[in-house]
N, C-alpha and C. Protein backbone atom coordinates (compact mmCIF):
# COMPACT_ATOMS: atom_id res chain seq x y z
N MET A 1 134.68 100.88 93.39
CA MET A 1 134.00 99.66 93.11
C MET A 1 132.78 99.94 92.25
N GLN A 2 132.34 98.92 91.56
CA GLN A 2 131.15 99.08 90.73
C GLN A 2 130.04 98.18 91.24
N ILE A 3 128.84 98.75 91.32
CA ILE A 3 127.66 98.01 91.80
C ILE A 3 126.57 98.13 90.76
N ASP A 4 125.93 97.00 90.43
CA ASP A 4 124.78 97.02 89.55
C ASP A 4 123.54 97.24 90.40
N VAL A 5 122.75 98.22 90.03
CA VAL A 5 121.54 98.58 90.76
C VAL A 5 120.35 98.29 89.88
N ARG A 6 119.39 97.53 90.40
CA ARG A 6 118.20 97.18 89.64
C ARG A 6 117.03 98.05 90.14
N PHE A 7 116.27 98.58 89.19
CA PHE A 7 115.18 99.48 89.51
C PHE A 7 113.83 98.81 89.17
N PHE A 8 112.80 99.23 89.93
CA PHE A 8 111.44 98.73 89.66
C PHE A 8 110.48 99.90 89.58
N ALA A 9 109.38 99.67 88.90
CA ALA A 9 108.27 100.62 88.80
C ALA A 9 108.70 101.99 88.29
N ARG A 10 108.24 103.05 88.93
CA ARG A 10 108.56 104.41 88.49
C ARG A 10 110.06 104.71 88.52
N ALA A 11 110.78 104.11 89.46
CA ALA A 11 112.24 104.31 89.49
C ALA A 11 112.89 103.82 88.21
N ARG A 12 112.40 102.68 87.70
CA ARG A 12 112.94 102.14 86.43
C ARG A 12 112.60 103.11 85.30
N ASP A 13 111.40 103.65 85.28
CA ASP A 13 111.03 104.60 84.22
C ASP A 13 111.91 105.82 84.25
N LEU A 14 112.16 106.39 85.42
CA LEU A 14 112.96 107.60 85.53
C LEU A 14 114.44 107.34 85.24
N ALA A 15 114.94 106.15 85.65
CA ALA A 15 116.36 105.83 85.37
C ALA A 15 116.57 105.54 83.90
N GLY A 16 115.49 105.14 83.19
CA GLY A 16 115.61 104.85 81.77
C GLY A 16 116.20 103.46 81.49
N ALA A 17 116.32 102.64 82.51
CA ALA A 17 116.87 101.30 82.35
C ALA A 17 116.46 100.45 83.54
N GLU A 18 116.46 99.14 83.36
CA GLU A 18 116.15 98.25 84.46
C GLU A 18 117.32 98.15 85.42
N THR A 19 118.53 98.17 84.88
CA THR A 19 119.73 98.13 85.73
C THR A 19 120.72 99.20 85.29
N VAL A 20 121.45 99.72 86.26
CA VAL A 20 122.47 100.73 86.00
C VAL A 20 123.71 100.35 86.79
N ALA A 21 124.87 100.41 86.16
CA ALA A 21 126.16 100.18 86.85
C ALA A 21 126.59 101.53 87.47
N VAL A 22 126.85 101.51 88.77
CA VAL A 22 127.21 102.72 89.49
C VAL A 22 128.61 102.56 90.08
N GLU A 23 129.47 103.51 89.84
CA GLU A 23 130.81 103.51 90.40
C GLU A 23 130.78 104.23 91.74
N LEU A 24 131.28 103.55 92.78
CA LEU A 24 131.29 104.09 94.14
C LEU A 24 132.69 103.97 94.75
N PRO A 25 132.98 104.83 95.73
CA PRO A 25 134.26 104.68 96.45
C PRO A 25 134.19 103.41 97.29
N ASP A 26 135.34 102.95 97.69
CA ASP A 26 135.39 101.76 98.54
C ASP A 26 136.07 102.16 99.84
N PRO A 27 135.40 102.16 100.97
CA PRO A 27 134.07 101.65 101.25
C PRO A 27 132.97 102.65 100.86
N ALA A 28 131.76 102.13 100.74
CA ALA A 28 130.62 102.95 100.38
C ALA A 28 129.39 102.54 101.18
N THR A 29 128.45 103.46 101.28
CA THR A 29 127.17 103.19 101.97
C THR A 29 126.01 103.48 101.01
N VAL A 30 124.81 103.20 101.47
CA VAL A 30 123.63 103.53 100.70
C VAL A 30 123.56 105.02 100.47
N ALA A 31 123.97 105.85 101.42
CA ALA A 31 123.97 107.29 101.23
C ALA A 31 124.89 107.68 100.06
N ASP A 32 126.04 107.03 99.94
CA ASP A 32 126.93 107.27 98.81
C ASP A 32 126.26 106.87 97.49
N LEU A 33 125.53 105.78 97.54
CA LEU A 33 124.79 105.33 96.35
C LEU A 33 123.77 106.39 95.91
N ARG A 34 123.05 106.96 96.85
CA ARG A 34 122.06 107.99 96.50
C ARG A 34 122.74 109.18 95.82
N VAL A 35 123.90 109.59 96.32
CA VAL A 35 124.65 110.70 95.71
C VAL A 35 125.05 110.33 94.28
N ALA A 36 125.57 109.14 94.10
CA ALA A 36 126.01 108.70 92.77
C ALA A 36 124.82 108.58 91.81
N LEU A 37 123.69 108.11 92.29
CA LEU A 37 122.49 108.00 91.46
C LEU A 37 122.01 109.39 91.04
N ARG A 38 122.07 110.34 91.94
CA ARG A 38 121.67 111.72 91.65
C ARG A 38 122.52 112.28 90.47
N GLU A 39 123.80 111.99 90.51
CA GLU A 39 124.71 112.48 89.46
C GLU A 39 124.52 111.71 88.15
N GLN A 40 124.36 110.39 88.25
CA GLN A 40 124.32 109.53 87.07
C GLN A 40 122.93 109.53 86.40
N CYS A 41 121.89 109.63 87.20
CA CYS A 41 120.51 109.58 86.68
C CYS A 41 119.73 110.77 87.25
N PRO A 42 119.97 111.96 86.73
CA PRO A 42 119.33 113.18 87.30
C PRO A 42 117.81 113.11 87.34
N ALA A 43 117.20 112.36 86.46
CA ALA A 43 115.74 112.26 86.44
C ALA A 43 115.20 111.61 87.69
N LEU A 44 116.03 110.86 88.43
CA LEU A 44 115.63 110.23 89.68
C LEU A 44 115.52 111.21 90.85
N GLU A 45 116.06 112.42 90.68
CA GLU A 45 116.14 113.42 91.76
C GLU A 45 114.87 113.51 92.60
N PRO A 46 113.69 113.69 92.03
CA PRO A 46 112.50 113.88 92.85
C PRO A 46 112.14 112.62 93.67
N LEU A 47 112.57 111.47 93.20
CA LEU A 47 112.21 110.23 93.86
C LEU A 47 113.25 109.79 94.90
N LEU A 48 114.48 110.23 94.78
CA LEU A 48 115.58 109.75 95.62
C LEU A 48 115.34 109.83 97.13
N PRO A 49 114.76 110.90 97.66
CA PRO A 49 114.56 110.94 99.10
C PRO A 49 113.61 109.86 99.61
N HIS A 50 112.75 109.37 98.75
CA HIS A 50 111.73 108.39 99.14
C HIS A 50 112.03 106.99 98.65
N LEU A 51 113.08 106.85 97.88
CA LEU A 51 113.43 105.58 97.23
C LEU A 51 113.79 104.52 98.27
N HIS A 52 113.15 103.37 98.21
CA HIS A 52 113.51 102.24 99.06
C HIS A 52 114.70 101.52 98.43
N VAL A 53 115.67 101.21 99.26
CA VAL A 53 116.83 100.48 98.80
C VAL A 53 116.88 99.16 99.57
N ALA A 54 117.09 98.08 98.83
CA ALA A 54 117.24 96.77 99.47
C ALA A 54 118.60 96.21 99.07
N ILE A 55 119.25 95.57 100.02
CA ILE A 55 120.49 94.84 99.75
C ILE A 55 120.14 93.36 99.98
N GLY A 56 120.17 92.63 98.90
CA GLY A 56 119.67 91.25 98.97
C GLY A 56 118.17 91.32 99.18
N THR A 57 117.68 90.69 100.27
CA THR A 57 116.25 90.69 100.55
C THR A 57 115.88 91.60 101.73
N ASP A 58 116.85 92.40 102.19
CA ASP A 58 116.59 93.24 103.36
C ASP A 58 116.61 94.71 102.98
N TYR A 59 115.64 95.47 103.50
CA TYR A 59 115.68 96.91 103.37
C TYR A 59 116.95 97.46 104.05
N ALA A 60 117.50 98.51 103.45
CA ALA A 60 118.72 99.10 104.00
C ALA A 60 118.51 100.59 104.21
N ASP A 61 119.05 101.08 105.34
CA ASP A 61 119.02 102.53 105.57
C ASP A 61 120.28 103.14 104.97
N ASP A 62 120.39 104.46 105.05
CA ASP A 62 121.52 105.14 104.39
C ASP A 62 122.88 104.79 104.96
N SER A 63 122.93 104.24 106.18
CA SER A 63 124.22 103.91 106.78
C SER A 63 124.69 102.49 106.42
N ALA A 64 123.86 101.73 105.74
CA ALA A 64 124.22 100.34 105.38
C ALA A 64 125.40 100.32 104.45
N PRO A 65 126.39 99.45 104.74
CA PRO A 65 127.57 99.37 103.88
C PRO A 65 127.25 98.57 102.60
N LEU A 66 127.98 98.91 101.54
CA LEU A 66 127.85 98.22 100.26
C LEU A 66 129.20 97.62 99.87
N THR A 67 129.12 96.48 99.19
CA THR A 67 130.31 95.86 98.59
C THR A 67 130.00 95.55 97.14
N GLU A 68 131.02 95.16 96.38
CA GLU A 68 130.78 94.81 94.99
C GLU A 68 129.86 93.62 94.87
N ALA A 69 129.79 92.81 95.90
CA ALA A 69 128.95 91.63 95.88
C ALA A 69 127.49 91.95 96.26
N SER A 70 127.21 93.17 96.67
CA SER A 70 125.86 93.56 97.10
C SER A 70 124.88 93.48 95.93
N ALA A 71 123.74 92.81 96.17
CA ALA A 71 122.65 92.79 95.21
C ALA A 71 121.70 93.91 95.61
N VAL A 72 121.74 95.01 94.87
CA VAL A 72 120.99 96.23 95.27
C VAL A 72 119.80 96.42 94.34
N THR A 73 118.65 96.64 94.96
CA THR A 73 117.43 96.96 94.21
C THR A 73 116.85 98.25 94.78
N CYS A 74 116.22 99.05 93.92
CA CYS A 74 115.62 100.30 94.33
C CYS A 74 114.19 100.37 93.75
N PHE A 75 113.28 100.82 94.61
CA PHE A 75 111.90 100.96 94.18
C PHE A 75 111.22 102.05 94.98
N PRO A 76 110.24 102.68 94.36
CA PRO A 76 109.52 103.75 95.07
C PRO A 76 108.57 103.18 96.11
N PRO A 77 108.15 104.00 97.06
CA PRO A 77 107.16 103.52 98.01
C PRO A 77 105.85 103.16 97.29
N VAL A 78 105.15 102.22 97.83
CA VAL A 78 103.90 101.76 97.24
C VAL A 78 102.73 102.36 98.02
N SER A 79 101.75 102.84 97.27
CA SER A 79 100.55 103.35 97.92
C SER A 79 99.34 102.79 97.22
N GLY A 80 98.24 102.91 97.85
CA GLY A 80 97.00 102.41 97.24
C GLY A 80 96.09 101.83 98.28
N GLY A 81 95.02 101.27 97.81
CA GLY A 81 94.05 100.77 98.77
C GLY A 81 93.61 99.41 98.52
């Protein structure tokens, strides 16, 4: 299956695009997405362990299932004061 992943902030800079189409096995989880992103966008490697993933409007952990209809966004943790 193919999922379009939208990136924000530093994740977008490292991915080199606002959105990336990622090919995943069916069924797939967020953990599978992280593996595919590591292969497809190697520059994301240092950020991947800390990258927040949301499906729709909800944060998702690595066990969350993905479908082709999933609206996936990724962004780095936010810090500041």
